[in-house]
Amino acid sequence: MLRKFQYEDNKDMLDYWVSDPNVQFLYFEPIYTTYEEVKKLLDEYISSYDDNDYYRWAIIEKDSNLCIGQIAFFLIDTDNHFAEIEYCVGTKFQKRGYITEATKSILDFGFNKVDLHKIQICHAENNLYSKSIIKKCNLTYEGTLRDYFFVDGEYLDRLFYSILKKEYISFRKNK
């Protein structure tokens, strides 16, 4: 289930993903270790919902009602009808299809509610988990920015994938 973040999500966030270096490292976000830090992050998320073009959702596991991750259009270009997706889910909840399902949901939302023309996702070359999600969502490889990230003394490439609205509609019809 996807919904807006709430302050009550702070414990789950801290327990399941924002404090986990293995999760935060995969999308180059800071590690949060205290409730005060998570509250500031939630202040940012929640206050941004007043903006018309702010799209960030908590990923909630239906059975447990736990906040297990997040997904967002973190980069939006309204002039060119374009957005980029970022996502993460706690290690305990990975490889269960949550991110794939969430990504498919916001692709649909982006094309049908926001009227985007193109949506992209990118990942560091070592993030094979993200690559498999992107493939399941039928995005097309566009290219690589070589040596884009400098992490732990080494350079990593950034791989770009995208899907156009017409491709998304065609895929949905043929499904």
C-alpha atoms as a PDB file:
ATOM      1  CA  MET A   1       0.000   0.000   0.000  1.00  0.00           C
ATOM      2  CA  LEU A   2       1.233   3.521  -0.770  1.00  0.00           C
ATOM      3  CA  ARG A   3       0.240   6.562   1.271  1.00  0.00           C
ATOM      4  CA  LYS A   4       1.598   9.905   2.410  1.00  0.00           C
ATOM      5  CA  PHE A   5       4.086   9.812   5.259  1.00  0.00           C
ATOM      6  CA  GLN A   6       2.866  10.406   8.810  1.00  0.00           C
ATOM      7  CA  TYR A   7       4.832  11.217  11.956  1.00  0.00           C
ATOM      8  CA  GLU A   8       3.794   7.832  13.345  1.00  0.00           C
ATOM      9  CA  ASP A   9       6.055   6.231  10.695  1.00  0.00           C
ATOM     10  CA  ASN A  10       9.206   7.346  12.550  1.00  0.00           C
ATOM     11  CA  LYS A  11       9.750   4.117  14.519  1.00  0.00           C
ATOM     12  CA  ASP A  12       9.277   1.842  11.494  1.00  0.00           C
ATOM     13  CA  MET A  13      11.540   4.035   9.383  1.00  0.00           C
ATOM     14  CA  LEU A  14      14.280   3.855  11.991  1.00  0.00           C
ATOM     15  CA  ASP A  15      13.772   0.136  12.619  1.00  0.00           C
ATOM     16  CA  TYR A  16      13.585  -1.003   8.992  1.00  0.00           C
ATOM     17  CA  TRP A  17      15.394   1.280   6.574  1.00  0.00           C
ATOM     18  CA  VAL A  18      16.701   4.803   7.270  1.00  0.00           C
ATOM     19  CA  SER A  19      19.243   3.524   9.806  1.00  0.00           C
ATOM     20  CA  ASP A  20      20.406   0.631   7.616  1.00  0.00           C
ATOM     21  CA  PRO A  21      23.622   1.472   5.733  1.00  0.00           C
ATOM     22  CA  ASN A  22      22.962  -1.358   3.282  1.00  0.00           C
ATOM     23  CA  VAL A  23      19.670   0.261   2.252  1.00  0.00           C
ATOM     24  CA  GLN A  24      20.683   3.918   2.339  1.00  0.00           C
ATOM     25  CA  PHE A  25      23.918   3.236   0.459  1.00  0.00           C
ATOM     26  CA  LEU A  26      22.020   1.838  -2.521  1.00  0.00           C
ATOM     27  CA  TYR A  27      20.454   5.199  -3.288  1.00  0.00           C
ATOM     28  CA  PHE A  28      23.112   7.443  -1.756  1.00  0.00           C
ATOM     29  CA  GLU A  29      21.060   8.775   1.135  1.00  0.00           C
ATOM     30  CA  PRO A  30      22.355   9.596   4.628  1.00  0.00           C
ATOM     31  CA  ILE A  31      21.982   7.179   7.498  1.00  0.00           C
ATOM     32  CA  TYR A  32      19.619   8.351  10.246  1.00  0.00           C
ATOM     33  CA  THR A  33      20.217   7.018  13.740  1.00  0.00           C
ATOM     34  CA  THR A  34      17.964   9.042  16.051  1.00  0.00           C
ATOM     35  CA  TYR A  35      14.275   9.865  16.291  1.00  0.00           C
ATOM     36  CA  GLU A  36      15.181  13.562  16.120  1.00  0.00           C
ATOM     37  CA  GLU A  37      16.881  13.047  12.732  1.00  0.00           C
ATOM     38  CA  VAL A  38      13.926  11.047  11.426  1.00  0.00           C
ATOM     39  CA  LYS A  39      11.495  13.709  12.680  1.00  0.00           C
ATOM     40  CA  LYS A  40      13.394  16.354  10.673  1.00  0.00           C
ATOM     41  CA  LEU A  41      13.189  14.114   7.607  1.00  0.00           C
ATOM     42  CA  LEU A  42       9.457  13.635   8.188  1.00  0.00           C
ATOM     43  CA  ASP A  43       9.058  17.400   8.684  1.00  0.00           C
ATOM     44  CA  GLU A  44      10.545  17.847   5.212  1.00  0.00           C
ATOM     45  CA  TYR A  45       8.381  15.137   3.629  1.00  0.00           C
ATOM     46  CA  ILE A  46       5.119  16.169   5.289  1.00  0.00           C
ATOM     47  CA  SER A  47       5.503  19.925   4.772  1.00  0.00           C
ATOM     48  CA  SER A  48       6.290  19.322   1.086  1.00  0.00           C
ATOM     49  CA  TYR A  49       2.885  17.728   0.511  1.00  0.00           C
ATOM     50  CA  ASP A  50       1.553  21.306   0.262  1.00  0.00           C
ATOM     51  CA  ASP A  51       3.400  21.633  -3.073  1.00  0.00           C
ATOM     52  CA  ASN A  52       1.378  20.591  -6.122  1.00  0.00           C
ATOM     53  CA  ASP A  53       4.287  18.718  -7.669  1.00  0.00           C
ATOM     54  CA  TYR A  54       5.584  16.791  -4.646  1.00  0.00           C
ATOM     55  CA  TYR A  55       5.140  13.037  -4.847  1.00  0.00           C
ATOM     56  CA  ARG A  56       6.618  10.849  -2.108  1.00  0.00           C
ATOM     57  CA  TRP A  57       4.876   7.861  -0.597  1.00  0.00           C
ATOM     58  CA  ALA A  58       5.459   5.560   2.343  1.00  0.00           C
ATOM     59  CA  ILE A  59       5.403   1.899   1.366  1.00  0.00           C
ATOM     60  CA  ILE A  60       3.185   0.107   3.880  1.00  0.00           C
ATOM     61  CA  GLU A  61       3.060  -3.659   4.187  1.00  0.00           C
ATOM     62  CA  LYS A  62      -0.657  -4.491   4.292  1.00  0.00           C
ATOM     63  CA  ASP A  63      -0.486  -7.437   6.678  1.00  0.00           C
ATOM     64  CA  SER A  64       1.618  -5.738   9.342  1.00  0.00           C
ATOM     65  CA  ASN A  65       0.825  -2.065   8.610  1.00  0.00           C
ATOM     66  CA  LEU A  66       4.569  -1.357   8.896  1.00  0.00           C
ATOM     67  CA  CYS A  67       6.281   1.438   6.958  1.00  0.00           C
ATOM     68  CA  ILE A  68       8.892  -0.654   5.151  1.00  0.00           C
ATOM     69  CA  GLY A  69      10.289   1.863   2.660  1.00  0.00           C
ATOM     70  CA  GLN A  70       9.555   4.770   0.383  1.00  0.00           C
ATOM     71  CA  ILE A  71       9.092   5.635  -3.289  1.00  0.00           C
ATOM     72  CA  ALA A  72       9.033   9.036  -4.942  1.00  0.00           C
ATOM     73  CA  PHE A  73       9.235  11.139  -8.035  1.00  0.00           C
ATOM     74  CA  PHE A  74      12.278  12.888  -6.614  1.00  0.00           C
ATOM     75  CA  LEU A  75      13.054  14.828  -9.778  1.00  0.00           C
ATOM     76  CA  ILE A  76      10.181  16.421 -11.680  1.00  0.00           C
ATOM     77  CA  ASP A  77      10.438  18.643 -14.742  1.00  0.00           C
ATOM     78  CA  THR A  78       6.902  19.939 -15.318  1.00  0.00           C
ATOM     79  CA  ASP A  79       7.917  21.969 -18.390  1.00  0.00           C
ATOM     80  CA  ASN A  80       9.065  18.822 -20.178  1.00  0.00           C
ATOM     81  CA  HIS A  81       6.582  16.395 -18.553  1.00  0.00           C
ATOM     82  CA  PHE A  82       9.333  14.239 -17.117  1.00  0.00           C
ATOM     83  CA  ALA A  83      10.066  12.616 -13.746  1.00  0.00           C
ATOM     84  CA  GLU A  84      12.624  10.334 -12.142  1.00  0.00           C
ATOM     85  CA  ILE A  85      11.786   7.669  -9.583  1.00  0.00           C
ATOM     86  CA  GLU A  86      13.744   6.734  -6.471  1.00  0.00           C
ATOM     87  CA  TYR A  87      12.860   3.951  -4.062  1.00  0.00           C
ATOM     88  CA  CYS A  88      14.067   1.864  -1.183  1.00  0.00           C
ATOM     89  CA  VAL A  89      12.767  -0.892   1.047  1.00  0.00           C
ATOM     90  CA  GLY A  90      14.162  -2.367   4.238  1.00  0.00           C
ATOM     91  CA  THR A  91      16.504  -5.350   3.881  1.00  0.00           C
ATOM     92  CA  LYS A  92      14.041  -7.626   5.667  1.00  0.00           C
ATOM     93  CA  PHE A  93      11.422  -6.819   2.993  1.00  0.00           C
ATOM     94  CA  GLN A  94      13.565  -7.008  -0.140  1.00  0.00           C
ATOM     95  CA  LYS A  95      12.981  -9.508  -2.938  1.00  0.00           C
ATOM     96  CA  ARG A  96       9.281  -9.848  -2.115  1.00  0.00           C
ATOM     97  CA  GLY A  97       7.974  -7.719  -4.993  1.00  0.00           C
ATOM     98  CA  TYR A  98       7.079  -4.650  -2.915  1.00  0.00           C
ATOM     99  CA  ILE A  99       9.232  -2.227  -4.907  1.00  0.00           C
ATOM    100  CA  THR A 100       8.180  -3.685  -8.246  1.00  0.00           C
ATOM    101  CA  GLU A 101       4.518  -3.315  -7.284  1.00  0.00           C
ATOM    102  CA  ALA A 102       5.077   0.225  -5.965  1.00  0.00           C
ATOM    103  CA  THR A 103       7.014   1.237  -9.094  1.00  0.00           C
ATOM    104  CA  LYS A 104       4.254  -0.054 -11.363  1.00  0.00           C
ATOM    105  CA  SER A 105       1.719   1.899  -9.301  1.00  0.00           C
ATOM    106  CA  ILE A 106       3.512   5.200  -9.589  1.00  0.00           C
ATOM    107  CA  LEU A 107       4.264   4.672 -13.274  1.00  0.00           C
ATOM    108  CA  ASP A 108       0.507   4.413 -13.720  1.00  0.00           C
ATOM    109  CA  PHE A 109      -0.050   7.452 -11.498  1.00  0.00           C
ATOM    110  CA  GLY A 110       2.601   9.474 -13.344  1.00  0.00           C
ATOM    111  CA  PHE A 111       1.241   8.767 -16.788  1.00  0.00           C
ATOM    112  CA  ASN A 112      -2.478   8.811 -16.004  1.00  0.00           C
ATOM    113  CA  LYS A 113      -2.819  11.400 -13.207  1.00  0.00           C
ATOM    114  CA  VAL A 114       0.172  13.714 -13.613  1.00  0.00           C
ATOM    115  CA  ASP A 115       0.198  13.374 -17.437  1.00  0.00           C
ATOM    116  CA  LEU A 116       3.931  12.793 -17.692  1.00  0.00           C
ATOM    117  CA  HIS A 117       5.484  12.014 -21.064  1.00  0.00           C
ATOM    118  CA  LYS A 118       8.557  10.170 -19.769  1.00  0.00           C
ATOM    119  CA  ILE A 119       9.616   8.539 -16.504  1.00  0.00           C
ATOM    120  CA  GLN A 120      13.122   7.362 -15.774  1.00  0.00           C
ATOM    121  CA  ILE A 121      14.952   5.379 -13.134  1.00  0.00           C
ATOM    122  CA  CYS A 122      18.685   5.053 -12.746  1.00  0.00           C
ATOM    123  CA  HIS A 123      20.965   3.014 -10.547  1.00  0.00           C
ATOM    124  CA  ALA A 124      24.609   2.535  -9.725  1.00  0.00           C
ATOM    125  CA  GLU A 125      26.209  -0.319 -11.620  1.00  0.00           C
ATOM    126  CA  ASN A 126      26.565  -2.449  -8.478  1.00  0.00           C
ATOM    127  CA  ASN A 127      22.853  -2.267  -7.578  1.00  0.00           C
ATOM    128  CA  LEU A 128      21.645  -5.420  -9.317  1.00  0.00           C
ATOM    129  CA  TYR A 129      18.509  -5.519  -7.158  1.00  0.00           C
ATOM    130  CA  SER A 130      17.378  -2.223  -8.661  1.00  0.00           C
ATOM    131  CA  LYS A 131      18.278  -3.381 -12.157  1.00  0.00           C
ATOM    132  CA  SER A 132      15.966  -6.397 -11.821  1.00  0.00           C
ATOM    133  CA  ILE A 133      13.077  -4.169 -10.681  1.00  0.00           C
ATOM    134  CA  ILE A 134      13.584  -1.844 -13.634  1.00  0.00           C
ATOM    135  CA  LYS A 135      13.508  -4.760 -16.068  1.00  0.00           C
ATOM    136  CA  LYS A 136      10.260  -6.099 -14.528  1.00  0.00           C
ATOM    137  CA  CYS A 137       8.694  -2.670 -15.085  1.00  0.00           C
ATOM    138  CA  ASN A 138       9.650  -2.672 -18.787  1.00  0.00           C
ATOM    139  CA  LEU A 139      11.866   0.387 -18.847  1.00  0.00           C
ATOM    140  CA  THR A 140      14.336   0.696 -21.711  1.00  0.00           C
ATOM    141  CA  TYR A 141      18.064   1.102 -21.141  1.00  0.00           C
ATOM    142  CA  GLU A 142      19.135   4.548 -22.371  1.00  0.00           C
ATOM    143  CA  GLY A 143      22.790   4.780 -21.486  1.00  0.00           C
ATOM    144  CA  THR A 144      25.515   4.977 -18.906  1.00  0.00           C
ATOM    145  CA  LEU A 145      27.207   7.938 -17.286  1.00  0.00           C
ATOM    146  CA  ARG A 146      30.650   6.521 -16.673  1.00  0.00           C
ATOM    147  CA  ASP A 147      32.377   7.005 -13.305  1.00  0.00           C
ATOM    148  CA  TYR A 148      29.443   9.054 -12.043  1.00  0.00           C
ATOM    149  CA  PHE A 149      29.591   8.110  -8.345  1.00  0.00           C
ATOM    150  CA  PHE A 150      32.735   8.061  -6.186  1.00  0.00           C
ATOM    151  CA  VAL A 151      32.093   5.622  -3.347  1.00  0.00           C
ATOM    152  CA  ASP A 152      34.562   4.082  -0.924  1.00  0.00           C
ATOM    153  CA  GLY A 153      37.528   5.032  -3.078  1.00  0.00           C
ATOM    154  CA  GLU A 154      36.152   3.757  -6.377  1.00  0.00           C
ATOM    155  CA  TYR A 155      34.114   5.122  -9.239  1.00  0.00           C
ATOM    156  CA  LEU A 156      30.790   3.591 -10.210  1.00  0.00           C
ATOM    157  CA  ASP A 157      28.792   4.069 -13.386  1.00  0.00           C
ATOM    158  CA  ARG A 158      25.201   5.365 -13.350  1.00  0.00           C
ATOM    159  CA  LEU A 159      22.848   3.469 -15.671  1.00  0.00           C
ATOM    160  CA  PHE A 160      19.713   5.178 -17.023  1.00  0.00           C
ATOM    161  CA  TYR A 161      16.430   3.573 -18.048  1.00  0.00           C
ATOM    162  CA  SER A 162      13.162   5.154 -19.123  1.00  0.00           C
ATOM    163  CA  ILE A 163       9.695   4.524 -20.418  1.00  0.00           C
ATOM    164  CA  LEU A 164       7.572   6.847 -22.544  1.00  0.00           C
ATOM    165  CA  LYS A 165       3.843   7.193 -22.025  1.00  0.00           C
ATOM    166  CA  LYS A 166       3.064   5.645 -25.441  1.00  0.00           C
ATOM    167  CA  GLU A 167       5.254   2.624 -24.577  1.00  0.00           C
ATOM    168  CA  TYR A 168       3.549   2.264 -21.220  1.00  0.00           C
ATOM    169  CA  ILE A 169       0.088   2.392 -22.812  1.00  0.00           C
ATOM    170  CA  SER A 170       1.113  -0.134 -25.462  1.00  0.00           C
ATOM    171  CA  PHE A 171       2.550  -2.490 -22.853  1.00  0.00           C
ATOM    172  CA  ARG A 172      -0.598  -2.247 -20.709  1.00  0.00           C
ATOM    173  CA  LYS A 173      -2.844  -3.024 -23.720  1.00  0.00           C
ATOM    174  CA  ASN A 174      -0.789  -6.074 -24.683  1.00  0.00           C
ATOM    175  CA  LYS A 175      -0.649  -7.436 -21.149  1.00  0.00           C
END
